Amino acid sequence: MSDSNAISPSARRKARHYAMQGLYEWKMSGNSVNVIEAAFRTDYDMKNVDVAYFHELLHQVPARLDEVQAVFTPHLQERSDEELDPITEALLRLASYELKCRIDVPYKVVINEAVALAKKFGATDSHKFVNGVLDRAAADVRALEVKASKGQR
């Protein structure tokens, strides 16, 4: 028997897609996330979107920005967070929030979804950078899960 309340992976993917765009807009425009969310809900067909997840990501990333930034900033290697383009920054913030606060989402899913969005919206090869940063961040934030997936004890 299937759970009619289960959220499809596709609905989550769309929620991340819109949340990343909303976080980009928040950074670039300075508009409040409430205004941005209202515009998205008006301008886009949200019927196949996990709207609750979209809302959570769009509101919680800015609300917990220092905590989110602390997840990925140490893993930027030779770059500083000020050097990140706004799309890459939005993706790293979103994925770092998921790594830190949504342990129900497997770290590999978080990374794969961020890489897919980077391929779609980011600069050429930005997906490689996003993958590397998030892989290192996951090894920190979710050390036990990463070790278990690699068969280490």
C-alpha atoms as a PDB file:
ATOM      1  CA  MET A   1       0.000   0.000   0.000  1.00  0.00           C
ATOM      2  CA  SER A   2       1.414   3.378  -0.950  1.00  0.00           C
ATOM      3  CA  ASP A   3       1.378   6.414   1.279  1.00  0.00           C
ATOM      4  CA  SER A   4      -0.690   9.123  -0.432  1.00  0.00           C
ATOM      5  CA  ASN A   5       1.132  11.752   1.646  1.00  0.00           C
ATOM      6  CA  ALA A   6       4.571  10.729   0.363  1.00  0.00           C
ATOM      7  CA  ILE A   7       6.435  13.467  -1.435  1.00  0.00           C
ATOM      8  CA  SER A   8       7.797  12.474  -4.825  1.00  0.00           C
ATOM      9  CA  PRO A   9      11.465  13.029  -5.644  1.00  0.00           C
ATOM     10  CA  SER A  10      10.291  15.163  -8.573  1.00  0.00           C
ATOM     11  CA  ALA A  11       8.311  17.482  -6.263  1.00  0.00           C
ATOM     12  CA  ARG A  12      11.369  17.861  -4.011  1.00  0.00           C
ATOM     13  CA  ARG A  13      13.579  18.543  -7.031  1.00  0.00           C
ATOM     14  CA  LYS A  14      11.227  21.325  -8.152  1.00  0.00           C
ATOM     15  CA  ALA A  15      11.176  22.747  -4.619  1.00  0.00           C
ATOM     16  CA  ARG A  16      14.984  22.931  -4.651  1.00  0.00           C
ATOM     17  CA  HIS A  17      14.938  24.466  -8.128  1.00  0.00           C
ATOM     18  CA  TYR A  18      12.596  27.272  -7.063  1.00  0.00           C
ATOM     19  CA  ALA A  19      14.302  27.711  -3.687  1.00  0.00           C
ATOM     20  CA  MET A  20      17.679  28.153  -5.386  1.00  0.00           C
ATOM     21  CA  GLN A  21      16.148  30.777  -7.684  1.00  0.00           C
ATOM     22  CA  GLY A  22      14.510  32.459  -4.696  1.00  0.00           C
ATOM     23  CA  LEU A  23      17.766  32.530  -2.736  1.00  0.00           C
ATOM     24  CA  TYR A  24      19.499  34.008  -5.789  1.00  0.00           C
ATOM     25  CA  GLU A  25      16.809  36.697  -5.989  1.00  0.00           C
ATOM     26  CA  TRP A  26      17.078  37.362  -2.239  1.00  0.00           C
ATOM     27  CA  LYS A  27      20.828  37.945  -2.620  1.00  0.00           C
ATOM     28  CA  MET A  28      20.542  40.083  -5.750  1.00  0.00           C
ATOM     29  CA  SER A  29      17.432  42.150  -4.958  1.00  0.00           C
ATOM     30  CA  GLY A  30      17.474  42.389  -1.186  1.00  0.00           C
ATOM     31  CA  ASN A  31      13.721  41.689  -1.178  1.00  0.00           C
ATOM     32  CA  SER A  32      12.311  39.839   1.805  1.00  0.00           C
ATOM     33  CA  VAL A  33      11.824  36.114   1.427  1.00  0.00           C
ATOM     34  CA  ASN A  34       8.106  36.632   2.101  1.00  0.00           C
ATOM     35  CA  VAL A  35       7.818  38.892  -0.949  1.00  0.00           C
ATOM     36  CA  ILE A  36       9.857  36.469  -3.042  1.00  0.00           C
ATOM     37  CA  GLU A  37       7.790  33.490  -1.956  1.00  0.00           C
ATOM     38  CA  ALA A  38       4.527  35.293  -2.700  1.00  0.00           C
ATOM     39  CA  ALA A  39       5.775  36.164  -6.187  1.00  0.00           C
ATOM     40  CA  PHE A  40       6.826  32.565  -6.875  1.00  0.00           C
ATOM     41  CA  ARG A  41       3.485  31.221  -5.691  1.00  0.00           C
ATOM     42  CA  THR A  42       1.713  33.709  -7.975  1.00  0.00           C
ATOM     43  CA  ASP A  43       3.957  33.462 -11.028  1.00  0.00           C
ATOM     44  CA  TYR A  44       4.699  29.719 -11.163  1.00  0.00           C
ATOM     45  CA  ASP A  45       2.574  26.591 -11.290  1.00  0.00           C
ATOM     46  CA  MET A  46       3.334  25.083  -7.886  1.00  0.00           C
ATOM     47  CA  LYS A  47       0.925  22.131  -8.037  1.00  0.00           C
ATOM     48  CA  ASN A  48       3.734  19.570  -8.605  1.00  0.00           C
ATOM     49  CA  VAL A  49       6.129  21.206  -6.141  1.00  0.00           C
ATOM     50  CA  ASP A  50       6.765  20.235  -2.526  1.00  0.00           C
ATOM     51  CA  VAL A  51       5.631  23.682  -1.415  1.00  0.00           C
ATOM     52  CA  ALA A  52       6.362  23.054   2.254  1.00  0.00           C
ATOM     53  CA  TYR A  53       9.959  22.153   1.403  1.00  0.00           C
ATOM     54  CA  PHE A  54      10.283  25.190  -0.882  1.00  0.00           C
ATOM     55  CA  HIS A  55       9.027  27.374   1.974  1.00  0.00           C
ATOM     56  CA  GLU A  56      11.418  25.773   4.472  1.00  0.00           C
ATOM     57  CA  LEU A  57      14.485  26.186   2.240  1.00  0.00           C
ATOM     58  CA  LEU A  58      13.642  29.746   1.204  1.00  0.00           C
ATOM     59  CA  HIS A  59      13.059  30.880   4.788  1.00  0.00           C
ATOM     60  CA  GLN A  60      15.493  28.783   6.801  1.00  0.00           C
ATOM     61  CA  VAL A  61      18.629  29.370   4.717  1.00  0.00           C
ATOM     62  CA  PRO A  62      18.539  33.156   5.337  1.00  0.00           C
ATOM     63  CA  ALA A  63      17.392  32.661   8.943  1.00  0.00           C
ATOM     64  CA  ARG A  64      20.359  30.375   9.654  1.00  0.00           C
ATOM     65  CA  LEU A  65      22.818  32.000   7.261  1.00  0.00           C
ATOM     66  CA  ASP A  66      25.861  32.039   9.568  1.00  0.00           C
ATOM     67  CA  GLU A  67      25.361  28.371  10.419  1.00  0.00           C
ATOM     68  CA  VAL A  68      24.858  27.479   6.736  1.00  0.00           C
ATOM     69  CA  GLN A  69      27.907  29.448   5.581  1.00  0.00           C
ATOM     70  CA  ALA A  70      30.030  27.711   8.227  1.00  0.00           C
ATOM     71  CA  VAL A  71      29.262  24.348   6.584  1.00  0.00           C
ATOM     72  CA  PHE A  72      30.826  25.140   3.197  1.00  0.00           C
ATOM     73  CA  THR A  73      33.184  28.097   3.710  1.00  0.00           C
ATOM     74  CA  PRO A  74      36.065  26.001   5.157  1.00  0.00           C
ATOM     75  CA  HIS A  75      35.912  23.802   2.037  1.00  0.00           C
ATOM     76  CA  LEU A  76      36.231  26.519  -0.609  1.00  0.00           C
ATOM     77  CA  GLN A  77      39.997  25.887  -0.651  1.00  0.00           C
ATOM     78  CA  GLU A  78      41.705  28.786  -2.426  1.00  0.00           C
ATOM     79  CA  ARG A  79      38.509  30.828  -2.886  1.00  0.00           C
ATOM     80  CA  SER A  80      36.768  33.071  -0.413  1.00  0.00           C
ATOM     81  CA  ASP A  81      33.002  33.180  -0.156  1.00  0.00           C
ATOM     82  CA  GLU A  82      33.103  36.752  -1.499  1.00  0.00           C
ATOM     83  CA  GLU A  83      34.500  35.375  -4.779  1.00  0.00           C
ATOM     84  CA  LEU A  84      31.553  33.058  -5.394  1.00  0.00           C
ATOM     85  CA  ASP A  85      29.128  33.948  -8.144  1.00  0.00           C
ATOM     86  CA  PRO A  86      25.548  34.381  -6.853  1.00  0.00           C
ATOM     87  CA  ILE A  87      24.256  31.130  -8.379  1.00  0.00           C
ATOM     88  CA  THR A  88      27.039  29.003  -6.906  1.00  0.00           C
ATOM     89  CA  GLU A  89      26.586  30.744  -3.575  1.00  0.00           C
ATOM     90  CA  ALA A  90      22.827  30.073  -3.586  1.00  0.00           C
ATOM     91  CA  LEU A  91      23.438  26.396  -4.417  1.00  0.00           C
ATOM     92  CA  LEU A  92      26.072  25.960  -1.719  1.00  0.00           C
ATOM     93  CA  ARG A  93      23.843  27.659   0.841  1.00  0.00           C
ATOM     94  CA  LEU A  94      20.836  25.510  -0.044  1.00  0.00           C
ATOM     95  CA  ALA A  95      22.785  22.236  -0.065  1.00  0.00           C
ATOM     96  CA  SER A  96      24.667  23.135   3.119  1.00  0.00           C
ATOM     97  CA  TYR A  97      21.373  23.761   4.876  1.00  0.00           C
ATOM     98  CA  GLU A  98      20.184  20.323   3.772  1.00  0.00           C
ATOM     99  CA  LEU A  99      23.418  18.670   4.886  1.00  0.00           C
ATOM    100  CA  LYS A 100      23.271  20.333   8.294  1.00  0.00           C
ATOM    101  CA  CYS A 101      19.569  20.432   9.055  1.00  0.00           C
ATOM    102  CA  ARG A 102      17.833  17.785   6.960  1.00  0.00           C
ATOM    103  CA  ILE A 103      19.531  14.559   7.929  1.00  0.00           C
ATOM    104  CA  ASP A 104      16.493  12.711   6.562  1.00  0.00           C
ATOM    105  CA  VAL A 105      17.824  13.540   3.080  1.00  0.00           C
ATOM    106  CA  PRO A 106      20.816  11.336   2.203  1.00  0.00           C
ATOM    107  CA  TYR A 107      23.989  13.340   1.630  1.00  0.00           C
ATOM    108  CA  LYS A 108      24.412  11.817  -1.846  1.00  0.00           C
ATOM    109  CA  VAL A 109      20.973  13.120  -2.820  1.00  0.00           C
ATOM    110  CA  VAL A 110      21.869  16.596  -1.540  1.00  0.00           C
ATOM    111  CA  ILE A 111      25.073  16.630  -3.588  1.00  0.00           C
ATOM    112  CA  ASN A 112      23.496  15.160  -6.727  1.00  0.00           C
ATOM    113  CA  GLU A 113      20.646  17.670  -6.677  1.00  0.00           C
ATOM    114  CA  ALA A 114      23.027  20.612  -6.204  1.00  0.00           C
ATOM    115  CA  VAL A 115      25.275  19.369  -9.032  1.00  0.00           C
ATOM    116  CA  ALA A 116      22.259  19.000 -11.343  1.00  0.00           C
ATOM    117  CA  LEU A 117      21.181  22.584 -10.575  1.00  0.00           C
ATOM    118  CA  ALA A 118      24.739  23.822 -11.113  1.00  0.00           C
ATOM    119  CA  LYS A 119      24.787  22.139 -14.529  1.00  0.00           C
ATOM    120  CA  LYS A 120      21.486  23.809 -15.398  1.00  0.00           C
ATOM    121  CA  PHE A 121      22.064  27.314 -14.012  1.00  0.00           C
ATOM    122  CA  GLY A 122      25.738  27.687 -13.181  1.00  0.00           C
ATOM    123  CA  ALA A 123      28.776  28.726 -15.144  1.00  0.00           C
ATOM    124  CA  THR A 124      30.625  26.167 -17.249  1.00  0.00           C
ATOM    125  CA  ASP A 125      32.138  23.502 -14.994  1.00  0.00           C
ATOM    126  CA  SER A 126      30.747  25.127 -11.837  1.00  0.00           C
ATOM    127  CA  HIS A 127      29.134  21.758 -11.089  1.00  0.00           C
ATOM    128  CA  LYS A 128      32.620  20.310 -10.532  1.00  0.00           C
ATOM    129  CA  PHE A 129      33.423  22.991  -7.980  1.00  0.00           C
ATOM    130  CA  VAL A 130      30.031  22.558  -6.243  1.00  0.00           C
ATOM    131  CA  ASN A 131      30.539  18.786  -6.138  1.00  0.00           C
ATOM    132  CA  GLY A 132      34.006  19.104  -4.586  1.00  0.00           C
ATOM    133  CA  VAL A 133      32.974  21.628  -1.947  1.00  0.00           C
ATOM    134  CA  LEU A 134      29.888  19.666  -0.934  1.00  0.00           C
ATOM    135  CA  ASP A 135      31.755  16.365  -0.913  1.00  0.00           C
ATOM    136  CA  ARG A 136      34.271  17.811   1.561  1.00  0.00           C
ATOM    137  CA  ALA A 137      31.502  19.484   3.591  1.00  0.00           C
ATOM    138  CA  ALA A 138      29.549  16.218   3.791  1.00  0.00           C
ATOM    139  CA  ALA A 139      32.647  14.420   5.068  1.00  0.00           C
ATOM    140  CA  ASP A 140      32.663  16.936   7.944  1.00  0.00           C
ATOM    141  CA  VAL A 141      28.984  17.400   8.693  1.00  0.00           C
ATOM    142  CA  ARG A 142      27.878  13.835   8.021  1.00  0.00           C
ATOM    143  CA  ALA A 143      31.067  11.923   8.761  1.00  0.00           C
ATOM    144  CA  LEU A 144      29.330   8.747   9.957  1.00  0.00           C
ATOM    145  CA  GLU A 145      26.993   8.600   6.957  1.00  0.00           C
ATOM    146  CA  VAL A 146      29.847   9.214   4.504  1.00  0.00           C
ATOM    147  CA  LYS A 147      32.037   6.559   6.144  1.00  0.00           C
ATOM    148  CA  ALA A 148      29.166   4.061   6.178  1.00  0.00           C
ATOM    149  CA  SER A 149      28.481   4.621   2.486  1.00  0.00           C
ATOM    150  CA  LYS A 150      32.131   3.964   1.700  1.00  0.00           C
ATOM    151  CA  GLY A 151      32.177   0.794   3.795  1.00  0.00           C
ATOM    152  CA  GLN A 152      34.517   2.250   6.431  1.00  0.00           C
ATOM    153  CA  ARG A 153      34.165   1.860  10.154  1.00  0.00           C
END
